[in-house]
């Protein structure tokens, strides 16, 4: 489903939040109560986790950055703060309330928000006018997804990444590594201890597979 145009009021410019922290927290908490399996933690990600996840991104080179499950924009706004003026941030969320919230709160021409599944990322990228993405970021709780959905999302993500691109995943369990290992040539795994709770951060890089010399 494509993004839904809404009447926008009290919107932020260039990713700067107009709503208060308590407003964002309230929205996040309400959605966690309604859809606990779709949100990894009752507590939004910390600034330290955001900075750690984004520190290795080549912002000058990036022209398409994809975010799965943007929620209330905890990562969306910092991404826009760093993103090149000519780049696009494609945010995909299955929760229509979060889509509506971000549509109303963030006014930035580089941001494209769509309502749908991350498993359809290939179609959404094509509709945005791109062939491949430089980076994909995800906080989707892979350990709670129905059988086969996590595998499909990881496979589709690899297919849309450019060579040298990376799938950036933050999780509260190591389940996703089993999904990434068969697909990605290089996987980094570290922990951000300053987040509550401590969060595992995976960087899965798509490397070009060289043809074997006969």
C-alpha atoms as a PDB file:
ATOM      1  CA  UNK A   1       0.000   0.000   0.000  1.00  0.00           C
ATOM      2  CA  UNK A   2       1.411   3.404  -0.903  1.00  0.00           C
ATOM      3  CA  UNK A   3       1.864   6.190   1.596  1.00  0.00           C
ATOM      4  CA  UNK A   4      -1.357   7.918   2.582  1.00  0.00           C
ATOM      5  CA  UNK A   5      -1.505  11.720   2.236  1.00  0.00           C
ATOM      6  CA  UNK A   6      -2.660  13.373   5.442  1.00  0.00           C
ATOM      7  CA  UNK A   7      -3.364  16.850   6.642  1.00  0.00           C
ATOM      8  CA  UNK A   8      -0.047  17.880   8.107  1.00  0.00           C
ATOM      9  CA  UNK A   9       0.134  20.196  11.079  1.00  0.00           C
ATOM     10  CA  UNK A  10       2.836  21.080  13.578  1.00  0.00           C
ATOM     11  CA  UNK A  11       5.285  19.348  11.310  1.00  0.00           C
ATOM     12  CA  UNK A  12       9.038  19.466  11.668  1.00  0.00           C
ATOM     13  CA  UNK A  13      11.429  20.730   9.014  1.00  0.00           C
ATOM     14  CA  UNK A  14      14.568  18.799   7.989  1.00  0.00           C
ATOM     15  CA  UNK A  15      13.859  16.051  10.487  1.00  0.00           C
ATOM     16  CA  UNK A  16      13.710  18.280  13.578  1.00  0.00           C
ATOM     17  CA  UNK A  17      10.954  17.071  15.901  1.00  0.00           C
ATOM     18  CA  UNK A  18       8.111  19.465  16.671  1.00  0.00           C
ATOM     19  CA  UNK A  19       6.427  17.106  19.132  1.00  0.00           C
ATOM     20  CA  UNK A  20       7.686  16.700  22.670  1.00  0.00           C
ATOM     21  CA  UNK A  21       9.559  13.696  23.940  1.00  0.00           C
ATOM     22  CA  UNK A  22       6.552  12.791  26.082  1.00  0.00           C
ATOM     23  CA  UNK A  23       4.315  12.873  23.005  1.00  0.00           C
ATOM     24  CA  UNK A  24       6.611  10.473  21.162  1.00  0.00           C
ATOM     25  CA  UNK A  25       6.896   8.258  24.235  1.00  0.00           C
ATOM     26  CA  UNK A  26       3.111   8.149  24.591  1.00  0.00           C
ATOM     27  CA  UNK A  27       2.624   7.112  20.963  1.00  0.00           C
ATOM     28  CA  UNK A  28       5.364   4.482  21.258  1.00  0.00           C
ATOM     29  CA  UNK A  29       3.891   3.032  24.460  1.00  0.00           C
ATOM     30  CA  UNK A  30       0.369   2.868  23.041  1.00  0.00           C
ATOM     31  CA  UNK A  31       1.581   0.992  19.977  1.00  0.00           C
ATOM     32  CA  UNK A  32       3.657  -1.398  22.084  1.00  0.00           C
ATOM     33  CA  UNK A  33       0.560  -2.273  24.098  1.00  0.00           C
ATOM     34  CA  UNK A  34      -1.516  -2.763  20.917  1.00  0.00           C
ATOM     35  CA  UNK A  35       1.140  -4.652  18.932  1.00  0.00           C
ATOM     36  CA  UNK A  36       3.838  -6.031  21.301  1.00  0.00           C
ATOM     37  CA  UNK A  37       5.089  -8.527  18.716  1.00  0.00           C
ATOM     38  CA  UNK A  38       5.816  -5.778  16.183  1.00  0.00           C
ATOM     39  CA  UNK A  39       7.971  -3.637  18.502  1.00  0.00           C
ATOM     40  CA  UNK A  40      11.213  -4.910  19.968  1.00  0.00           C
ATOM     41  CA  UNK A  41      11.139  -3.053  23.285  1.00  0.00           C
ATOM     42  CA  UNK A  42       8.794  -0.949  25.391  1.00  0.00           C
ATOM     43  CA  UNK A  43      11.598   1.641  25.635  1.00  0.00           C
ATOM     44  CA  UNK A  44      12.598   3.602  22.495  1.00  0.00           C
ATOM     45  CA  UNK A  45      16.209   3.318  21.340  1.00  0.00           C
ATOM     46  CA  UNK A  46      18.721   5.570  23.082  1.00  0.00           C
ATOM     47  CA  UNK A  47      20.745   8.297  21.385  1.00  0.00           C
ATOM     48  CA  UNK A  48      23.862   6.216  22.015  1.00  0.00           C
ATOM     49  CA  UNK A  49      22.379   3.310  20.071  1.00  0.00           C
ATOM     50  CA  UNK A  50      21.337   5.609  17.231  1.00  0.00           C
ATOM     51  CA  UNK A  51      24.816   7.096  16.981  1.00  0.00           C
ATOM     52  CA  UNK A  52      26.504   3.684  17.132  1.00  0.00           C
ATOM     53  CA  UNK A  53      24.285   2.236  14.410  1.00  0.00           C
ATOM     54  CA  UNK A  54      24.818   5.165  12.036  1.00  0.00           C
ATOM     55  CA  UNK A  55      28.497   5.911  12.643  1.00  0.00           C
ATOM     56  CA  UNK A  56      29.817   3.701   9.832  1.00  0.00           C
ATOM     57  CA  UNK A  57      27.496   4.969   7.084  1.00  0.00           C
ATOM     58  CA  UNK A  58      29.121   6.693   4.102  1.00  0.00           C
ATOM     59  CA  UNK A  59      26.715   9.617   3.942  1.00  0.00           C
ATOM     60  CA  UNK A  60      28.409  11.324   1.011  1.00  0.00           C
ATOM     61  CA  UNK A  61      27.997   8.243  -1.170  1.00  0.00           C
ATOM     62  CA  UNK A  62      24.520   7.250  -0.008  1.00  0.00           C
ATOM     63  CA  UNK A  63      21.630   8.123  -2.304  1.00  0.00           C
ATOM     64  CA  UNK A  64      18.986   5.680  -1.055  1.00  0.00           C
ATOM     65  CA  UNK A  65      18.697   4.733   2.600  1.00  0.00           C
ATOM     66  CA  UNK A  66      15.875   2.376   3.596  1.00  0.00           C
ATOM     67  CA  UNK A  67      14.462   2.057   7.106  1.00  0.00           C
ATOM     68  CA  UNK A  68      12.224  -0.809   8.235  1.00  0.00           C
ATOM     69  CA  UNK A  69       9.867  -0.052  11.113  1.00  0.00           C
ATOM     70  CA  UNK A  70      10.589   3.667  11.679  1.00  0.00           C
ATOM     71  CA  UNK A  71       8.025   3.894  14.501  1.00  0.00           C
ATOM     72  CA  UNK A  72       7.958   7.416  15.957  1.00  0.00           C
ATOM     73  CA  UNK A  73      11.105   8.449  14.077  1.00  0.00           C
ATOM     74  CA  UNK A  74      13.794   7.703  16.663  1.00  0.00           C
ATOM     75  CA  UNK A  75      16.203   6.825  13.840  1.00  0.00           C
ATOM     76  CA  UNK A  76      14.367   8.631  11.036  1.00  0.00           C
ATOM     77  CA  UNK A  77      15.184  12.123  12.238  1.00  0.00           C
ATOM     78  CA  UNK A  78      18.925  11.475  12.854  1.00  0.00           C
ATOM     79  CA  UNK A  79      19.164   9.814   9.438  1.00  0.00           C
ATOM     80  CA  UNK A  80      17.667  12.904   7.805  1.00  0.00           C
ATOM     81  CA  UNK A  81      20.076  15.103   9.769  1.00  0.00           C
ATOM     82  CA  UNK A  82      22.983  13.202   8.196  1.00  0.00           C
ATOM     83  CA  UNK A  83      21.558  12.433   4.761  1.00  0.00           C
ATOM     84  CA  UNK A  84      22.879  14.085   1.586  1.00  0.00           C
ATOM     85  CA  UNK A  85      20.590  16.822   0.161  1.00  0.00           C
ATOM     86  CA  UNK A  86      20.080  14.782  -3.023  1.00  0.00           C
ATOM     87  CA  UNK A  87      19.376  11.466  -1.261  1.00  0.00           C
ATOM     88  CA  UNK A  88      16.145   9.716  -0.314  1.00  0.00           C
ATOM     89  CA  UNK A  89      15.084   8.009   2.896  1.00  0.00           C
ATOM     90  CA  UNK A  90      12.475   5.317   2.237  1.00  0.00           C
ATOM     91  CA  UNK A  91      10.706   4.386   5.488  1.00  0.00           C
ATOM     92  CA  UNK A  92       8.541   1.238   5.478  1.00  0.00           C
ATOM     93  CA  UNK A  93       6.168   0.429   8.335  1.00  0.00           C
ATOM     94  CA  UNK A  94       3.418  -2.158   8.691  1.00  0.00           C
ATOM     95  CA  UNK A  95       1.767  -0.105  11.444  1.00  0.00           C
ATOM     96  CA  UNK A  96      -0.564   2.463   9.892  1.00  0.00           C
ATOM     97  CA  UNK A  97      -0.633   4.544  13.101  1.00  0.00           C
ATOM     98  CA  UNK A  98       3.131   5.042  12.906  1.00  0.00           C
ATOM     99  CA  UNK A  99       2.872   5.918   9.211  1.00  0.00           C
ATOM    100  CA  UNK A 100       0.243   8.545   9.987  1.00  0.00           C
ATOM    101  CA  UNK A 101       2.316   9.917  12.873  1.00  0.00           C
ATOM    102  CA  UNK A 102       5.444  10.361  10.762  1.00  0.00           C
ATOM    103  CA  UNK A 103       3.475  11.848   7.853  1.00  0.00           C
ATOM    104  CA  UNK A 104       2.094  14.455  10.238  1.00  0.00           C
ATOM    105  CA  UNK A 105       5.307  15.158  12.147  1.00  0.00           C
ATOM    106  CA  UNK A 106       8.148  15.270   9.627  1.00  0.00           C
ATOM    107  CA  UNK A 107       8.211  17.579   6.616  1.00  0.00           C
ATOM    108  CA  UNK A 108      11.260  16.749   4.538  1.00  0.00           C
ATOM    109  CA  UNK A 109      11.185  16.216   0.758  1.00  0.00           C
ATOM    110  CA  UNK A 110      13.848  13.510   1.082  1.00  0.00           C
ATOM    111  CA  UNK A 111      11.538  11.330   3.195  1.00  0.00           C
ATOM    112  CA  UNK A 112       9.177   8.856   1.527  1.00  0.00           C
ATOM    113  CA  UNK A 113       6.957   6.875   3.906  1.00  0.00           C
ATOM    114  CA  UNK A 114       5.076   3.774   2.804  1.00  0.00           C
ATOM    115  CA  UNK A 115       2.649   1.487   4.597  1.00  0.00           C
ATOM    116  CA  UNK A 116       3.489  -2.139   3.980  1.00  0.00           C
ATOM    117  CA  UNK A 117       5.784  -5.058   4.688  1.00  0.00           C
ATOM    118  CA  UNK A 118       9.568  -4.980   4.506  1.00  0.00           C
ATOM    119  CA  UNK A 119       9.265  -8.192   2.471  1.00  0.00           C
ATOM    120  CA  UNK A 120       8.010  -5.972  -0.375  1.00  0.00           C
ATOM    121  CA  UNK A 121      11.044  -3.701  -0.270  1.00  0.00           C
ATOM    122  CA  UNK A 122      11.955  -4.425  -3.884  1.00  0.00           C
ATOM    123  CA  UNK A 123       8.627  -3.044  -5.116  1.00  0.00           C
ATOM    124  CA  UNK A 124       8.786  -0.001  -2.853  1.00  0.00           C
ATOM    125  CA  UNK A 125      12.293   0.848  -4.047  1.00  0.00           C
ATOM    126  CA  UNK A 126      11.204   0.591  -7.663  1.00  0.00           C
ATOM    127  CA  UNK A 127       8.184   2.824  -6.986  1.00  0.00           C
ATOM    128  CA  UNK A 128      10.545   5.375  -5.418  1.00  0.00           C
ATOM    129  CA  UNK A 129      12.505   5.492  -8.689  1.00  0.00           C
ATOM    130  CA  UNK A 130      15.552   3.505  -7.607  1.00  0.00           C
ATOM    131  CA  UNK A 131      17.048   0.166  -8.566  1.00  0.00           C
ATOM    132  CA  UNK A 132      19.061  -0.565  -5.405  1.00  0.00           C
ATOM    133  CA  UNK A 133      19.746   0.808  -1.933  1.00  0.00           C
ATOM    134  CA  UNK A 134      23.026   1.771  -0.292  1.00  0.00           C
ATOM    135  CA  UNK A 135      21.893   0.850   3.229  1.00  0.00           C
ATOM    136  CA  UNK A 136      18.921  -0.779   4.900  1.00  0.00           C
ATOM    137  CA  UNK A 137      18.318  -0.277   8.631  1.00  0.00           C
ATOM    138  CA  UNK A 138      15.973  -2.475  10.646  1.00  0.00           C
ATOM    139  CA  UNK A 139      14.752  -2.682  14.215  1.00  0.00           C
ATOM    140  CA  UNK A 140      12.036  -5.226  13.381  1.00  0.00           C
ATOM    141  CA  UNK A 141      12.059  -7.916  16.112  1.00  0.00           C
ATOM    142  CA  UNK A 142      12.952 -10.892  13.919  1.00  0.00           C
ATOM    143  CA  UNK A 143      12.571 -13.375  16.765  1.00  0.00           C
ATOM    144  CA  UNK A 144       8.815 -12.711  16.979  1.00  0.00           C
ATOM    145  CA  UNK A 145       8.010 -12.805  13.251  1.00  0.00           C
ATOM    146  CA  UNK A 146       5.872 -15.647  11.828  1.00  0.00           C
ATOM    147  CA  UNK A 147       7.780 -18.538  10.290  1.00  0.00           C
ATOM    148  CA  UNK A 148       9.398 -17.718   6.979  1.00  0.00           C
ATOM    149  CA  UNK A 149       8.804 -13.956   7.167  1.00  0.00           C
ATOM    150  CA  UNK A 150      12.218 -13.127   8.614  1.00  0.00           C
ATOM    151  CA  UNK A 151      13.953 -15.262   6.005  1.00  0.00           C
ATOM    152  CA  UNK A 152      11.991 -13.531   3.230  1.00  0.00           C
ATOM    153  CA  UNK A 153      12.829 -10.063   4.520  1.00  0.00           C
ATOM    154  CA  UNK A 154      16.547 -10.848   4.778  1.00  0.00           C
ATOM    155  CA  UNK A 155      16.640 -12.392   1.305  1.00  0.00           C
ATOM    156  CA  UNK A 156      14.795  -9.471  -0.271  1.00  0.00           C
ATOM    157  CA  UNK A 157      17.046  -7.029   1.556  1.00  0.00           C
ATOM    158  CA  UNK A 158      20.177  -8.636   0.166  1.00  0.00           C
ATOM    159  CA  UNK A 159      18.707  -8.565  -3.330  1.00  0.00           C
ATOM    160  CA  UNK A 160      18.072  -4.798  -3.225  1.00  0.00           C
ATOM    161  CA  UNK A 161      21.445  -3.787  -1.768  1.00  0.00           C
ATOM    162  CA  UNK A 162      24.214  -2.502  -3.980  1.00  0.00           C
ATOM    163  CA  UNK A 163      27.517  -4.346  -3.899  1.00  0.00           C
ATOM    164  CA  UNK A 164      29.271  -3.008  -0.812  1.00  0.00           C
ATOM    165  CA  UNK A 165      25.947  -2.001   0.722  1.00  0.00           C
ATOM    166  CA  UNK A 166      24.992  -3.036   4.238  1.00  0.00           C
ATOM    167  CA  UNK A 167      22.007  -4.294   6.181  1.00  0.00           C
ATOM    168  CA  UNK A 168      22.136  -2.624   9.610  1.00  0.00           C
ATOM    169  CA  UNK A 169      20.107  -4.500  12.220  1.00  0.00           C
ATOM    170  CA  UNK A 170      19.612  -3.723  15.912  1.00  0.00           C
ATOM    171  CA  UNK A 171      18.021  -6.432  18.058  1.00  0.00           C
ATOM    172  CA  UNK A 172      17.574  -7.595  21.629  1.00  0.00           C
ATOM    173  CA  UNK A 173      18.433 -11.202  20.760  1.00  0.00           C
ATOM    174  CA  UNK A 174      20.871 -12.947  18.440  1.00  0.00           C
ATOM    175  CA  UNK A 175      18.157 -14.733  16.450  1.00  0.00           C
ATOM    176  CA  UNK A 176      18.650 -12.661  13.308  1.00  0.00           C
ATOM    177  CA  UNK A 177      22.251 -13.775  12.855  1.00  0.00           C
ATOM    178  CA  UNK A 178      21.012 -17.235  11.835  1.00  0.00           C
ATOM    179  CA  UNK A 179      18.965 -15.572   9.106  1.00  0.00           C
ATOM    180  CA  UNK A 180      21.796 -13.342   7.903  1.00  0.00           C
ATOM    181  CA  UNK A 181      24.590 -15.930   7.822  1.00  0.00           C
ATOM    182  CA  UNK A 182      23.479 -17.870   4.706  1.00  0.00           C
ATOM    183  CA  UNK A 183      22.972 -14.647   2.738  1.00  0.00           C
ATOM    184  CA  UNK A 184      25.696 -12.163   3.596  1.00  0.00           C
ATOM    185  CA  UNK A 185      29.414 -12.395   3.005  1.00  0.00           C
ATOM    186  CA  UNK A 186      30.484 -10.363   6.037  1.00  0.00           C
ATOM    187  CA  UNK A 187      28.644  -9.901   9.342  1.00  0.00           C
ATOM    188  CA  UNK A 188      29.776  -7.648  12.162  1.00  0.00           C
ATOM    189  CA  UNK A 189      28.255  -8.196  15.616  1.00  0.00           C
ATOM    190  CA  UNK A 190      28.667  -5.881  18.594  1.00  0.00           C
ATOM    191  CA  UNK A 191      26.717  -4.680  21.642  1.00  0.00           C
ATOM    192  CA  UNK A 192      25.686  -1.189  22.680  1.00  0.00           C
ATOM    193  CA  UNK A 193      25.737  -1.521  26.463  1.00  0.00           C
ATOM    194  CA  UNK A 194      24.542   2.045  27.049  1.00  0.00           C
ATOM    195  CA  UNK A 195      21.103   1.235  25.675  1.00  0.00           C
ATOM    196  CA  UNK A 196      18.292  -0.013  27.941  1.00  0.00           C
ATOM    197  CA  UNK A 197      18.234  -2.949  27.558  1.00  0.00           C
ATOM    198  CA  UNK A 198      21.667  -3.534  25.952  1.00  0.00           C
ATOM    199  CA  UNK A 199      21.231  -3.983  22.246  1.00  0.00           C
ATOM    200  CA  UNK A 200      23.041  -6.151  19.688  1.00  0.00           C
ATOM    201  CA  UNK A 201      24.035  -4.421  16.469  1.00  0.00           C
ATOM    202  CA  UNK A 202      24.643  -6.377  13.270  1.00  0.00           C
ATOM    203  CA  UNK A 203      26.247  -5.044  10.111  1.00  0.00           C
ATOM    204  CA  UNK A 204      25.724  -7.463   7.225  1.00  0.00           C
ATOM    205  CA  UNK A 205      27.704  -6.397   4.136  1.00  0.00           C
ATOM    206  CA  UNK A 206      26.983  -7.544   0.600  1.00  0.00           C
ATOM    207  CA  UNK A 207      30.290  -8.223  -1.096  1.00  0.00           C
ATOM    208  CA  UNK A 208      30.746  -8.941  -4.773  1.00  0.00           C
ATOM    209  CA  UNK A 209      31.245 -12.633  -5.420  1.00  0.00           C
ATOM    210  CA  UNK A 210      34.245 -13.020  -7.686  1.00  0.00           C
ATOM    211  CA  UNK A 211      34.064 -15.549 -10.471  1.00  0.00           C
ATOM    212  CA  UNK A 212      36.428 -18.467  -9.946  1.00  0.00           C
ATOM    213  CA  UNK A 213      39.268 -18.729 -12.410  1.00  0.00           C
ATOM    214  CA  UNK A 214      38.904 -21.849 -14.540  1.00  0.00           C
END
